[in-house]
Amino acid sequence: MRNRRLLFDANSIFTLVRELKGKAPHLLSEGLILSLAFYEVGNAIWKECHPRQRLDAREARNLLSNIFAIMRAMKLGRLDTEDGGGRALELACLLDLTYHDASYLAEARTSGSILVTDDSRLRQAAEKAELETMTTEDFKASLG
């Protein structure tokens, strides 16, 4: 599994950065993300700041800055072609997923990556599409 590229969804990145702290940049740097993950991470941090009030505005801004720096070091998957977008749309319709969730599956298929996600619905859809997944707990366990 160490030789296969890992595609991280936004929630897995958010979880792993919080749990792995200073080790996260090194451990995630070889991973793959989609550009939409920047927006999804921003939304997750907003939820921690505004409705849940677990972070103040300064803490939220620092966390966003740190996570974005990690994500900029990761390889960016590209589904901005008609073929890539078409594959995501086909999977969305076939598996009854949102387009953005299906985008992760389309990229995993195109790049031959293992999708790292804690979203059980997305993992089930990946299984139907015969794609390999792992949870953040599986990822941490694979670190040895």
C-alpha atoms as a PDB file:
ATOM      1  CA  MET A   1       0.000   0.000   0.000  1.00  0.00           C
ATOM      2  CA  ARG A   2       2.927   2.354   0.594  1.00  0.00           C
ATOM      3  CA  ASN A   3       3.682   2.301  -3.140  1.00  0.00           C
ATOM      4  CA  ARG A   4       0.181   3.374  -4.116  1.00  0.00           C
ATOM      5  CA  ARG A   5      -0.742   7.041  -4.150  1.00  0.00           C
ATOM      6  CA  LEU A   6      -3.367   8.133  -1.652  1.00  0.00           C
ATOM      7  CA  LEU A   7      -6.178  10.541  -2.521  1.00  0.00           C
ATOM      8  CA  PHE A   8      -7.406  12.409   0.558  1.00  0.00           C
ATOM      9  CA  ASP A   9     -10.866  13.895   0.794  1.00  0.00           C
ATOM     10  CA  ALA A  10     -11.286  17.161   2.723  1.00  0.00           C
ATOM     11  CA  ASN A  11     -12.599  15.622   5.919  1.00  0.00           C
ATOM     12  CA  SER A  12      -9.721  13.156   6.117  1.00  0.00           C
ATOM     13  CA  ILE A  13      -7.225  15.998   5.719  1.00  0.00           C
ATOM     14  CA  PHE A  14      -8.971  18.034   8.417  1.00  0.00           C
ATOM     15  CA  THR A  15      -9.029  15.040  10.784  1.00  0.00           C
ATOM     16  CA  LEU A  16      -5.433  14.011  10.151  1.00  0.00           C
ATOM     17  CA  VAL A  17      -4.032  17.526  10.566  1.00  0.00           C
ATOM     18  CA  ARG A  18      -5.815  17.867  13.904  1.00  0.00           C
ATOM     19  CA  GLU A  19      -4.686  14.438  15.114  1.00  0.00           C
ATOM     20  CA  LEU A  20      -1.164  14.211  13.664  1.00  0.00           C
ATOM     21  CA  LYS A  21      -0.300  17.858  14.359  1.00  0.00           C
ATOM     22  CA  GLY A  22       3.331  18.572  13.386  1.00  0.00           C
ATOM     23  CA  LYS A  23       3.748  15.206  11.644  1.00  0.00           C
ATOM     24  CA  ALA A  24       0.943  15.929   9.173  1.00  0.00           C
ATOM     25  CA  PRO A  25       2.900  17.982   6.603  1.00  0.00           C
ATOM     26  CA  HIS A  26       5.445  15.231   6.042  1.00  0.00           C
ATOM     27  CA  LEU A  27       2.928  12.368   6.126  1.00  0.00           C
ATOM     28  CA  LEU A  28       0.448  13.997   3.752  1.00  0.00           C
ATOM     29  CA  SER A  29       2.929  15.619   1.346  1.00  0.00           C
ATOM     30  CA  GLU A  30       2.970  12.678  -1.080  1.00  0.00           C
ATOM     31  CA  GLY A  31      -0.820  12.558  -1.188  1.00  0.00           C
ATOM     32  CA  LEU A  32      -3.256  13.760  -3.783  1.00  0.00           C
ATOM     33  CA  ILE A  33      -6.167  16.177  -3.350  1.00  0.00           C
ATOM     34  CA  LEU A  34      -8.819  17.802  -5.494  1.00  0.00           C
ATOM     35  CA  SER A  35      -9.132  21.580  -5.727  1.00  0.00           C
ATOM     36  CA  LEU A  36     -12.591  21.394  -4.192  1.00  0.00           C
ATOM     37  CA  ALA A  37     -10.948  20.189  -0.960  1.00  0.00           C
ATOM     38  CA  PHE A  38      -9.804  23.771  -0.271  1.00  0.00           C
ATOM     39  CA  TYR A  39     -13.428  24.917  -0.147  1.00  0.00           C
ATOM     40  CA  GLU A  40     -14.560  21.920   1.865  1.00  0.00           C
ATOM     41  CA  VAL A  41     -11.790  22.381   4.448  1.00  0.00           C
ATOM     42  CA  GLY A  42     -12.664  26.056   4.701  1.00  0.00           C
ATOM     43  CA  ASN A  43     -16.264  25.128   5.362  1.00  0.00           C
ATOM     44  CA  ALA A  44     -15.270  22.574   8.023  1.00  0.00           C
ATOM     45  CA  ILE A  45     -13.199  25.210   9.817  1.00  0.00           C
ATOM     46  CA  TRP A  46     -16.048  27.717   9.546  1.00  0.00           C
ATOM     47  CA  LYS A  47     -18.317  25.174  11.263  1.00  0.00           C
ATOM     48  CA  GLU A  48     -15.792  24.823  14.088  1.00  0.00           C
ATOM     49  CA  CYS A  49     -15.665  28.609  14.451  1.00  0.00           C
ATOM     50  CA  HIS A  50     -19.178  29.864  13.892  1.00  0.00           C
ATOM     51  CA  PRO A  51     -21.977  27.462  14.763  1.00  0.00           C
ATOM     52  CA  ARG A  52     -19.996  25.158  17.057  1.00  0.00           C
ATOM     53  CA  GLN A  53     -17.812  27.880  18.621  1.00  0.00           C
ATOM     54  CA  ARG A  54     -14.930  25.455  19.220  1.00  0.00           C
ATOM     55  CA  LEU A  55     -12.452  27.906  17.686  1.00  0.00           C
ATOM     56  CA  ASP A  56     -12.245  31.675  17.865  1.00  0.00           C
ATOM     57  CA  ALA A  57     -11.681  33.653  14.668  1.00  0.00           C
ATOM     58  CA  ARG A  58      -7.893  33.881  15.175  1.00  0.00           C
ATOM     59  CA  GLU A  59      -7.556  30.138  15.823  1.00  0.00           C
ATOM     60  CA  ALA A  60      -9.708  29.377  12.790  1.00  0.00           C
ATOM     61  CA  ARG A  61      -7.600  31.636  10.564  1.00  0.00           C
ATOM     62  CA  ASN A  62      -4.355  30.017  11.796  1.00  0.00           C
ATOM     63  CA  LEU A  63      -5.759  26.520  11.266  1.00  0.00           C
ATOM     64  CA  LEU A  64      -6.925  27.430   7.757  1.00  0.00           C
ATOM     65  CA  SER A  65      -3.509  28.861   6.934  1.00  0.00           C
ATOM     66  CA  ASN A  66      -1.715  25.751   8.219  1.00  0.00           C
ATOM     67  CA  ILE A  67      -3.982  23.290   6.417  1.00  0.00           C
ATOM     68  CA  PHE A  68      -3.849  25.248   3.160  1.00  0.00           C
ATOM     69  CA  ALA A  69      -0.031  25.227   3.337  1.00  0.00           C
ATOM     70  CA  ILE A  70      -0.085  21.439   3.696  1.00  0.00           C
ATOM     71  CA  MET A  71      -2.579  21.065   0.867  1.00  0.00           C
ATOM     72  CA  ARG A  72      -0.538  23.298  -1.475  1.00  0.00           C
ATOM     73  CA  ALA A  73       2.377  20.870  -1.009  1.00  0.00           C
ATOM     74  CA  MET A  74       0.215  17.931  -2.100  1.00  0.00           C
ATOM     75  CA  LYS A  75      -0.300  16.908  -5.710  1.00  0.00           C
ATOM     76  CA  LEU A  76      -3.482  18.313  -7.220  1.00  0.00           C
ATOM     77  CA  GLY A  77      -5.771  15.960  -9.143  1.00  0.00           C
ATOM     78  CA  ARG A  78      -7.400  17.443 -12.224  1.00  0.00           C
ATOM     79  CA  LEU A  79     -10.947  16.809 -13.295  1.00  0.00           C
ATOM     80  CA  ASP A  80     -11.311  20.039 -15.227  1.00  0.00           C
ATOM     81  CA  THR A  81     -11.463  18.389 -18.629  1.00  0.00           C
ATOM     82  CA  GLU A  82     -14.613  17.189 -20.322  1.00  0.00           C
ATOM     83  CA  ASP A  83     -13.423  13.598 -19.934  1.00  0.00           C
ATOM     84  CA  GLY A  84     -12.683  13.993 -16.232  1.00  0.00           C
ATOM     85  CA  GLY A  85     -15.908  15.840 -15.574  1.00  0.00           C
ATOM     86  CA  GLY A  86     -17.818  13.290 -17.629  1.00  0.00           C
ATOM     87  CA  ARG A  87     -16.398  10.408 -15.588  1.00  0.00           C
ATOM     88  CA  ALA A  88     -17.441  12.149 -12.364  1.00  0.00           C
ATOM     89  CA  LEU A  89     -20.933  12.805 -13.725  1.00  0.00           C
ATOM     90  CA  GLU A  90     -21.343   9.181 -14.836  1.00  0.00           C
ATOM     91  CA  LEU A  91     -20.352   7.934 -11.390  1.00  0.00           C
ATOM     92  CA  ALA A  92     -22.628  10.472  -9.683  1.00  0.00           C
ATOM     93  CA  CYS A  93     -25.622   9.252 -11.680  1.00  0.00           C
ATOM     94  CA  LEU A  94     -24.716   5.571 -11.432  1.00  0.00           C
ATOM     95  CA  LEU A  95     -24.044   5.601  -7.680  1.00  0.00           C
ATOM     96  CA  ASP A  96     -26.557   8.268  -6.586  1.00  0.00           C
ATOM     97  CA  LEU A  97     -23.847  10.611  -5.298  1.00  0.00           C
ATOM     98  CA  THR A  98     -23.329  14.335  -5.441  1.00  0.00           C
ATOM     99  CA  TYR A  99     -21.056  15.427  -8.251  1.00  0.00           C
ATOM    100  CA  HIS A 100     -18.368  16.560  -5.820  1.00  0.00           C
ATOM    101  CA  ASP A 101     -18.337  13.182  -4.009  1.00  0.00           C
ATOM    102  CA  ALA A 102     -18.233  11.374  -7.342  1.00  0.00           C
ATOM    103  CA  SER A 103     -15.280  13.579  -8.310  1.00  0.00           C
ATOM    104  CA  TYR A 104     -13.190  11.858  -5.651  1.00  0.00           C
ATOM    105  CA  LEU A 105     -14.123   8.468  -7.106  1.00  0.00           C
ATOM    106  CA  ALA A 106     -13.376   9.583 -10.656  1.00  0.00           C
ATOM    107  CA  GLU A 107      -9.942  10.858  -9.609  1.00  0.00           C
ATOM    108  CA  ALA A 108      -9.214   7.703  -7.613  1.00  0.00           C
ATOM    109  CA  ARG A 109     -10.031   5.625 -10.678  1.00  0.00           C
ATOM    110  CA  THR A 110      -8.035   7.816 -13.075  1.00  0.00           C
ATOM    111  CA  SER A 111      -4.948   8.019 -10.862  1.00  0.00           C
ATOM    112  CA  GLY A 112      -5.146   4.488  -9.464  1.00  0.00           C
ATOM    113  CA  SER A 113      -5.214   5.956  -5.963  1.00  0.00           C
ATOM    114  CA  ILE A 114      -6.630   4.674  -2.718  1.00  0.00           C
ATOM    115  CA  LEU A 115      -9.265   7.077  -1.418  1.00  0.00           C
ATOM    116  CA  VAL A 116      -8.783   8.091   2.211  1.00  0.00           C
ATOM    117  CA  THR A 117     -12.178   9.040   3.648  1.00  0.00           C
ATOM    118  CA  ASP A 118     -14.192   8.594   6.810  1.00  0.00           C
ATOM    119  CA  ASP A 119     -17.451   9.127   4.901  1.00  0.00           C
ATOM    120  CA  SER A 120     -19.189   5.741   5.060  1.00  0.00           C
ATOM    121  CA  ARG A 121     -21.530   6.535   2.159  1.00  0.00           C
ATOM    122  CA  LEU A 122     -18.593   7.483  -0.034  1.00  0.00           C
ATOM    123  CA  ARG A 123     -16.709   4.321   0.985  1.00  0.00           C
ATOM    124  CA  GLN A 124     -19.762   2.196   0.085  1.00  0.00           C
ATOM    125  CA  ALA A 125     -20.027   3.903  -3.299  1.00  0.00           C
ATOM    126  CA  ALA A 126     -16.305   3.341  -3.888  1.00  0.00           C
ATOM    127  CA  GLU A 127     -16.764  -0.327  -3.104  1.00  0.00           C
ATOM    128  CA  LYS A 128     -19.559  -0.553  -5.697  1.00  0.00           C
ATOM    129  CA  ALA A 129     -17.223   1.130  -8.175  1.00  0.00           C
ATOM    130  CA  GLU A 130     -14.521  -1.405  -7.222  1.00  0.00           C
ATOM    131  CA  LEU A 131     -12.221   1.258  -5.809  1.00  0.00           C
ATOM    132  CA  GLU A 132     -10.060   0.802  -2.755  1.00  0.00           C
ATOM    133  CA  THR A 133     -10.543   3.028   0.294  1.00  0.00           C
ATOM    134  CA  MET A 134      -9.135   3.455   3.759  1.00  0.00           C
ATOM    135  CA  THR A 135     -10.233   5.442   6.776  1.00  0.00           C
ATOM    136  CA  THR A 136      -8.057   7.916   8.656  1.00  0.00           C
ATOM    137  CA  GLU A 137      -7.663   5.235  11.341  1.00  0.00           C
ATOM    138  CA  ASP A 138      -6.440   2.791   8.662  1.00  0.00           C
ATOM    139  CA  PHE A 139      -4.012   5.448   7.402  1.00  0.00           C
ATOM    140  CA  LYS A 140      -2.610   6.072  10.878  1.00  0.00           C
ATOM    141  CA  ALA A 141      -2.295   2.309  11.471  1.00  0.00           C
ATOM    142  CA  SER A 142      -0.383   1.930   8.186  1.00  0.00           C
ATOM    143  CA  LEU A 143       2.248   4.342   9.474  1.00  0.00           C
ATOM    144  CA  GLY A 144       3.516   1.643  11.792  1.00  0.00           C
END
